[in-house]
């Protein structure tokens, strides 16, 4: 795993006081290689699968991903 650019911007505070790390602009899956990029920087990793959890209003929406060719 490599993570670059993670210190390029500071998190902000939402009106409720929670920390906001910004947006995820894209998630690219190519075989067992995953790339996530957004305000948090760019994360590149190799894995058999990943699990993505989106948190909104205290509710966690989870998805288990399996590496697939594009």
PDB file of N, CA and C in Angstrom:
ATOM      1  N   UNK A   1       0.838  -1.171   0.000  1.00  0.00           N
ATOM      2  CA  UNK A   1       0.000   0.000   0.000  1.00  0.00           C
ATOM      3  C   UNK A   1       0.885   1.236   0.000  1.00  0.00           C
ATOM      4  N   UNK A   2       0.507   2.206  -0.810  1.00  0.00           N
ATOM      5  CA  UNK A   2       1.137   3.523  -0.757  1.00  0.00           C
ATOM      6  C   UNK A   2       0.043   4.566  -0.597  1.00  0.00           C
ATOM      7  N   UNK A   3       0.336   5.585   0.184  1.00  0.00           N
ATOM      8  CA  UNK A   3      -0.609   6.674   0.423  1.00  0.00           C
ATOM      9  C   UNK A   3       0.159   7.966   0.243  1.00  0.00           C
ATOM     10  N   UNK A   4      -0.181   8.736  -0.784  1.00  0.00           N
ATOM     11  CA  UNK A   4       0.498   9.992  -1.067  1.00  0.00           C
ATOM     12  C   UNK A   4      -0.488  11.148  -0.982  1.00  0.00           C
ATOM     13  N   UNK A   5       0.025  12.314  -0.666  1.00  0.00           N
ATOM     14  CA  UNK A   5      -0.795  13.525  -0.653  1.00  0.00           C
ATOM     15  C   UNK A   5      -1.724  13.658   0.537  1.00  0.00           C
ATOM     16  N   UNK A   6      -1.575  12.794   1.551  1.00  0.00           N
ATOM     17  CA  UNK A   6      -2.515  12.832   2.664  1.00  0.00           C
ATOM     18  C   UNK A   6      -2.419  14.080   3.526  1.00  0.00           C
ATOM     19  N   UNK A   7      -1.349  14.818   3.422  1.00  0.00           N
ATOM     20  CA  UNK A   7      -1.221  16.031   4.224  1.00  0.00           C
ATOM     21  C   UNK A   7      -1.415  17.295   3.396  1.00  0.00           C
ATOM     22  N   UNK A   8      -1.917  17.150   2.161  1.00  0.00           N
ATOM     23  CA  UNK A   8      -2.045  18.311   1.279  1.00  0.00           C
ATOM     24  C   UNK A   8      -3.180  19.242   1.696  1.00  0.00           C
ATOM     25  N   UNK A   9      -4.177  18.739   2.418  1.00  0.00           N
ATOM     26  CA  UNK A   9      -5.240  19.614   2.912  1.00  0.00           C
ATOM     27  C   UNK A   9      -5.671  19.150   4.292  1.00  0.00           C
ATOM     28  N   UNK A  10      -6.093  20.084   5.093  1.00  0.00           N
ATOM     29  CA  UNK A  10      -6.528  19.767   6.452  1.00  0.00           C
ATOM     30  C   UNK A  10      -8.015  19.467   6.442  1.00  0.00           C
ATOM     31  N   UNK A  11      -8.452  18.559   7.314  1.00  0.00           N
ATOM     32  CA  UNK A  11      -9.892  18.288   7.390  1.00  0.00           C
ATOM     33  C   UNK A  11     -10.638  19.510   7.907  1.00  0.00           C
ATOM     34  N   UNK A  12     -11.891  19.612   7.528  1.00  0.00           N
ATOM     35  CA  UNK A  12     -12.737  20.703   7.997  1.00  0.00           C
ATOM     36  C   UNK A  12     -13.719  20.163   9.037  1.00  0.00           C
ATOM     37  N   UNK A  13     -14.522  21.043   9.589  1.00  0.00           N
ATOM     38  CA  UNK A  13     -15.551  20.648  10.562  1.00  0.00           C
ATOM     39  C   UNK A  13     -16.923  20.870   9.941  1.00  0.00           C
ATOM     40  N   UNK A  14     -17.772  19.862  10.062  1.00  0.00           N
ATOM     41  CA  UNK A  14     -19.153  19.994   9.614  1.00  0.00           C
ATOM     42  C   UNK A  14     -19.934  20.807  10.638  1.00  0.00           C
ATOM     43  N   UNK A  15     -21.133  21.295  10.258  1.00  0.00           N
ATOM     44  CA  UNK A  15     -21.928  22.095  11.206  1.00  0.00           C
ATOM     45  C   UNK A  15     -22.201  21.386  12.534  1.00  0.00           C
ATOM     46  N   UNK A  16     -22.253  20.052  12.519  1.00  0.00           N
ATOM     47  CA  UNK A  16     -22.504  19.322  13.767  1.00  0.00           C
ATOM     48  C   UNK A  16     -21.226  19.104  14.584  1.00  0.00           C
ATOM     49  N   UNK A  17     -20.073  19.609  14.075  1.00  0.00           N
ATOM     50  CA  UNK A  17     -18.816  19.497  14.786  1.00  0.00           C
ATOM     51  C   UNK A  17     -17.971  18.290  14.415  1.00  0.00           C
ATOM     52  N   UNK A  18     -18.505  17.387  13.589  1.00  0.00           N
ATOM     53  CA  UNK A  18     -17.736  16.208  13.194  1.00  0.00           C
ATOM     54  C   UNK A  18     -16.659  16.580  12.176  1.00  0.00           C
ATOM     55  N   UNK A  19     -15.599  15.783  12.136  1.00  0.00           N
ATOM     56  CA  UNK A  19     -14.486  16.027  11.221  1.00  0.00           C
ATOM     57  C   UNK A  19     -14.873  15.544   9.826  1.00  0.00           C
ATOM     58  N   UNK A  20     -14.598  16.365   8.822  1.00  0.00           N
ATOM     59  CA  UNK A  20     -14.895  16.041   7.425  1.00  0.00           C
ATOM     60  C   UNK A  20     -13.583  15.961   6.659  1.00  0.00           C
ATOM     61  N   UNK A  21     -13.250  14.766   6.177  1.00  0.00           N
ATOM     62  CA  UNK A  21     -12.001  14.555   5.442  1.00  0.00           C
ATOM     63  C   UNK A  21     -12.151  14.800   3.949  1.00  0.00           C
ATOM     64  N   UNK A  22     -13.305  15.280   3.519  1.00  0.00           N
ATOM     65  CA  UNK A  22     -13.499  15.613   2.111  1.00  0.00           C
ATOM     66  C   UNK A  22     -14.107  14.482   1.313  1.00  0.00           C
ATOM     67  N   UNK A  23     -13.990  14.608  -0.001  1.00  0.00           N
ATOM     68  CA  UNK A  23     -14.625  13.683  -0.928  1.00  0.00           C
ATOM     69  C   UNK A  23     -13.685  12.591  -1.400  1.00  0.00           C
ATOM     70  N   UNK A  24     -14.277  11.478  -1.802  1.00  0.00           N
ATOM     71  CA  UNK A  24     -13.568  10.480  -2.599  1.00  0.00           C
ATOM     72  C   UNK A  24     -13.989  10.757  -4.027  1.00  0.00           C
ATOM     73  N   UNK A  25     -13.027  11.125  -4.861  1.00  0.00           N
ATOM     74  CA  UNK A  25     -13.334  11.462  -6.244  1.00  0.00           C
ATOM     75  C   UNK A  25     -13.494  10.225  -7.105  1.00  0.00           C
ATOM     76  N   UNK A  26     -12.682   9.202  -6.853  1.00  0.00           N
ATOM     77  CA  UNK A  26     -12.858   7.967  -7.606  1.00  0.00           C
ATOM     78  C   UNK A  26     -12.247   6.768  -6.909  1.00  0.00           C
ATOM     79  N   UNK A  27     -12.787   5.603  -7.267  1.00  0.00           N
ATOM     80  CA  UNK A  27     -12.269   4.306  -6.854  1.00  0.00           C
ATOM     81  C   UNK A  27     -12.105   3.500  -8.125  1.00  0.00           C
ATOM     82  N   UNK A  28     -10.878   3.087  -8.419  1.00  0.00           N
ATOM     83  CA  UNK A  28     -10.597   2.295  -9.617  1.00  0.00           C
ATOM     84  C   UNK A  28     -10.174   0.901  -9.176  1.00  0.00           C
ATOM     85  N   UNK A  29     -10.800  -0.116  -9.777  1.00  0.00           N
ATOM     86  CA  UNK A  29     -10.463  -1.509  -9.485  1.00  0.00           C
ATOM     87  C   UNK A  29      -9.967  -2.138 -10.777  1.00  0.00           C
ATOM     88  N   UNK A  30      -8.712  -2.589 -10.755  1.00  0.00           N
ATOM     89  CA  UNK A  30      -8.116  -3.276 -11.897  1.00  0.00           C
ATOM     90  C   UNK A  30      -7.460  -4.548 -11.374  1.00  0.00           C
ATOM     91  N   UNK A  31      -8.171  -5.669 -11.537  1.00  0.00           N
ATOM     92  CA  UNK A  31      -7.674  -6.930 -10.995  1.00  0.00           C
ATOM     93  C   UNK A  31      -7.587  -6.837  -9.487  1.00  0.00           C
ATOM     94  N   UNK A  32      -6.391  -7.058  -8.932  1.00  0.00           N
ATOM     95  CA  UNK A  32      -6.213  -6.952  -7.483  1.00  0.00           C
ATOM     96  C   UNK A  32      -5.591  -5.621  -7.062  1.00  0.00           C
ATOM     97  N   UNK A  33      -5.625  -4.632  -7.956  1.00  0.00           N
ATOM     98  CA  UNK A  33      -5.069  -3.300  -7.680  1.00  0.00           C
ATOM     99  C   UNK A  33      -6.221  -2.312  -7.507  1.00  0.00           C
ATOM    100  N   UNK A  34      -6.222  -1.616  -6.374  1.00  0.00           N
ATOM    101  CA  UNK A  34      -7.256  -0.639  -6.055  1.00  0.00           C
ATOM    102  C   UNK A  34      -6.606   0.731  -5.895  1.00  0.00           C
ATOM    103  N   UNK A  35      -7.241   1.755  -6.469  1.00  0.00           N
ATOM    104  CA  UNK A  35      -6.785   3.134  -6.310  1.00  0.00           C
ATOM    105  C   UNK A  35      -7.962   3.976  -5.845  1.00  0.00           C
ATOM    106  N   UNK A  36      -7.763   4.699  -4.752  1.00  0.00           N
ATOM    107  CA  UNK A  36      -8.757   5.628  -4.226  1.00  0.00           C
ATOM    108  C   UNK A  36      -8.102   7.000  -4.227  1.00  0.00           C
ATOM    109  N   UNK A  37      -8.808   7.999  -4.757  1.00  0.00           N
ATOM    110  CA  UNK A  37      -8.249   9.350  -4.749  1.00  0.00           C
ATOM    111  C   UNK A  37      -9.327  10.355  -4.415  1.00  0.00           C
ATOM    112  N   UNK A  38      -8.922  11.365  -3.680  1.00  0.00           N
ATOM    113  CA  UNK A  38      -9.827  12.449  -3.314  1.00  0.00           C
ATOM    114  C   UNK A  38      -9.091  13.427  -2.431  1.00  0.00           C
ATOM    115  N   UNK A  39      -9.844  14.166  -1.616  1.00  0.00           N
ATOM    116  CA  UNK A  39      -9.240  15.130  -0.707  1.00  0.00           C
ATOM    117  C   UNK A  39      -8.297  14.470   0.282  1.00  0.00           C
ATOM    118  N   UNK A  40      -8.466  13.180   0.521  1.00  0.00           N
ATOM    119  CA  UNK A  40      -7.615  12.455   1.459  1.00  0.00           C
ATOM    120  C   UNK A  40      -6.273  12.079   0.861  1.00  0.00           C
ATOM    121  N   UNK A  41      -6.058  12.368  -0.410  1.00  0.00           N
ATOM    122  CA  UNK A  41      -4.837  11.992  -1.106  1.00  0.00           C
ATOM    123  C   UNK A  41      -5.114  10.824  -2.036  1.00  0.00           C
ATOM    124  N   UNK A  42      -4.087  10.072  -2.372  1.00  0.00           N
ATOM    125  CA  UNK A  42      -4.249   8.902  -3.241  1.00  0.00           C
ATOM    126  C   UNK A  42      -3.715   7.677  -2.520  1.00  0.00           C
ATOM    127  N   UNK A  43      -4.537   6.633  -2.489  1.00  0.00           N
ATOM    128  CA  UNK A  43      -4.152   5.368  -1.880  1.00  0.00           C
ATOM    129  C   UNK A  43      -4.139   4.310  -2.973  1.00  0.00           C
ATOM    130  N   UNK A  44      -3.002   3.632  -3.116  1.00  0.00           N
ATOM    131  CA  UNK A  44      -2.863   2.513  -4.057  1.00  0.00           C
ATOM    132  C   UNK A  44      -2.581   1.269  -3.235  1.00  0.00           C
ATOM    133  N   UNK A  45      -3.335   0.192  -3.490  1.00  0.00           N
ATOM    134  CA  UNK A  45      -3.071  -1.039  -2.771  1.00  0.00           C
ATOM    135  C   UNK A  45      -3.402  -2.249  -3.621  1.00  0.00           C
ATOM    136  N   UNK A  46      -2.772  -3.350  -3.266  1.00  0.00           N
ATOM    137  CA  UNK A  46      -3.028  -4.644  -3.894  1.00  0.00           C
ATOM    138  C   UNK A  46      -3.639  -5.539  -2.833  1.00  0.00           C
ATOM    139  N   UNK A  47      -4.786  -6.152  -3.153  1.00  0.00           N
ATOM    140  CA  UNK A  47      -5.475  -7.026  -2.201  1.00  0.00           C
ATOM    141  C   UNK A  47      -6.406  -7.957  -2.960  1.00  0.00           C
ATOM    142  N   UNK A  48      -6.713  -9.103  -2.371  1.00  0.00           N
ATOM    143  CA  UNK A  48      -7.659 -10.037  -2.977  1.00  0.00           C
ATOM    144  C   UNK A  48      -9.056  -9.439  -3.004  1.00  0.00           C
ATOM    145  N   UNK A  49      -9.405  -8.651  -1.989  1.00  0.00           N
ATOM    146  CA  UNK A  49     -10.701  -7.979  -1.925  1.00  0.00           C
ATOM    147  C   UNK A  49     -10.601  -6.816  -0.957  1.00  0.00           C
ATOM    148  N   UNK A  50     -11.580  -5.933  -1.022  1.00  0.00           N
ATOM    149  CA  UNK A  50     -11.656  -4.822  -0.081  1.00  0.00           C
ATOM    150  C   UNK A  50     -13.084  -4.732   0.438  1.00  0.00           C
ATOM    151  N   UNK A  51     -13.245  -4.013   1.529  1.00  0.00           N
ATOM    152  CA  UNK A  51     -14.574  -3.738   2.068  1.00  0.00           C
ATOM    153  C   UNK A  51     -14.706  -2.232   2.187  1.00  0.00           C
ATOM    154  N   UNK A  52     -15.778  -1.684   1.639  1.00  0.00           N
ATOM    155  CA  UNK A  52     -16.019  -0.251   1.661  1.00  0.00           C
ATOM    156  C   UNK A  52     -17.204   0.018   2.582  1.00  0.00           C
ATOM    157  N   UNK A  53     -17.049   0.954   3.499  1.00  0.00           N
ATOM    158  CA  UNK A  53     -18.143   1.343   4.391  1.00  0.00           C
ATOM    159  C   UNK A  53     -18.374   2.836   4.257  1.00  0.00           C
ATOM    160  N   UNK A  54     -19.583   3.227   3.919  1.00  0.00           N
ATOM    161  CA  UNK A  54     -19.966   4.626   3.816  1.00  0.00           C
ATOM    162  C   UNK A  54     -20.802   4.968   5.038  1.00  0.00           C
ATOM    163  N   UNK A  55     -20.452   6.054   5.694  1.00  0.00           N
ATOM    164  CA  UNK A  55     -21.164   6.447   6.902  1.00  0.00           C
ATOM    165  C   UNK A  55     -21.929   7.728   6.608  1.00  0.00           C
ATOM    166  N   UNK A  56     -23.233   7.695   6.843  1.00  0.00           N
ATOM    167  CA  UNK A  56     -24.074   8.856   6.611  1.00  0.00           C
ATOM    168  C   UNK A  56     -25.115   8.936   7.723  1.00  0.00           C
ATOM    169  N   UNK A  57     -25.170  10.048   8.400  1.00  0.00           N
ATOM    170  CA  UNK A  57     -26.142  10.255   9.479  1.00  0.00           C
ATOM    171  C   UNK A  57     -26.104   9.135  10.514  1.00  0.00           C
ATOM    172  N   UNK A  58     -24.918   8.619  10.814  1.00  0.00           N
ATOM    173  CA  UNK A  58     -24.780   7.585  11.822  1.00  0.00           C
ATOM    174  C   UNK A  58     -25.090   6.187  11.337  1.00  0.00           C
ATOM    175  N   UNK A  59     -25.495   6.041  10.063  1.00  0.00           N
ATOM    176  CA  UNK A  59     -25.802   4.730   9.506  1.00  0.00           C
ATOM    177  C   UNK A  59     -24.634   4.278   8.649  1.00  0.00           C
ATOM    178  N   UNK A  60     -24.164   3.054   8.845  1.00  0.00           N
ATOM    179  CA  UNK A  60     -23.061   2.528   8.050  1.00  0.00           C
ATOM    180  C   UNK A  60     -23.633   1.654   6.941  1.00  0.00           C
ATOM    181  N   UNK A  61     -23.294   1.994   5.708  1.00  0.00           N
ATOM    182  CA  UNK A  61     -23.670   1.213   4.543  1.00  0.00           C
ATOM    183  C   UNK A  61     -22.412   0.521   4.065  1.00  0.00           C
ATOM    184  N   UNK A  62     -22.389  -0.807   4.091  1.00  0.00           N
ATOM    185  CA  UNK A  62     -21.163  -1.527   3.775  1.00  0.00           C
ATOM    186  C   UNK A  62     -21.328  -2.347   2.513  1.00  0.00           C
ATOM    187  N   UNK A  63     -20.240  -2.505   1.795  1.00  0.00           N
ATOM    188  CA  UNK A  63     -20.193  -3.336   0.592  1.00  0.00           C
ATOM    189  C   UNK A  63     -18.891  -4.095   0.579  1.00  0.00           C
ATOM    190  N   UNK A  64     -18.944  -5.372   0.332  1.00  0.00           N
ATOM    191  CA  UNK A  64     -17.738  -6.182   0.255  1.00  0.00           C
ATOM    192  C   UNK A  64     -17.393  -6.316  -1.217  1.00  0.00           C
ATOM    193  N   UNK A  65     -16.193  -5.862  -1.606  1.00  0.00           N
ATOM    194  CA  UNK A  65     -15.775  -5.913  -2.993  1.00  0.00           C
ATOM    195  C   UNK A  65     -14.862  -7.094  -3.250  1.00  0.00           C
ATOM    196  N   UNK A  66     -15.000  -7.683  -4.394  1.00  0.00           N
ATOM    197  CA  UNK A  66     -14.114  -8.759  -4.820  1.00  0.00           C
ATOM    198  C   UNK A  66     -13.404  -8.280  -6.071  1.00  0.00           C
ATOM    199  N   UNK A  67     -12.119  -8.461  -6.119  1.00  0.00           N
ATOM    200  CA  UNK A  67     -11.341  -7.998  -7.262  1.00  0.00           C
ATOM    201  C   UNK A  67     -11.914  -8.559  -8.545  1.00  0.00           C
ATOM    202  N   UNK A  68     -12.109  -7.683  -9.518  1.00  0.00           N
ATOM    203  CA  UNK A  68     -12.640  -8.098 -10.816  1.00  0.00           C
ATOM    204  C   UNK A  68     -11.926  -7.324 -11.901  1.00  0.00           C
ATOM    205  N   UNK A  69     -11.751  -7.963 -13.050  1.00  0.00           N
ATOM    206  CA  UNK A  69     -11.124  -7.273 -14.167  1.00  0.00           C
ATOM    207  C   UNK A  69     -12.074  -6.232 -14.718  1.00  0.00           C
ATOM    208  N   UNK A  70     -11.478  -5.141 -15.193  1.00  0.00           N
ATOM    209  CA  UNK A  70     -12.278  -4.072 -15.805  1.00  0.00           C
ATOM    210  C   UNK A  70     -12.595  -4.404 -17.220  1.00  0.00           C
TER     211      UNK A  70
END
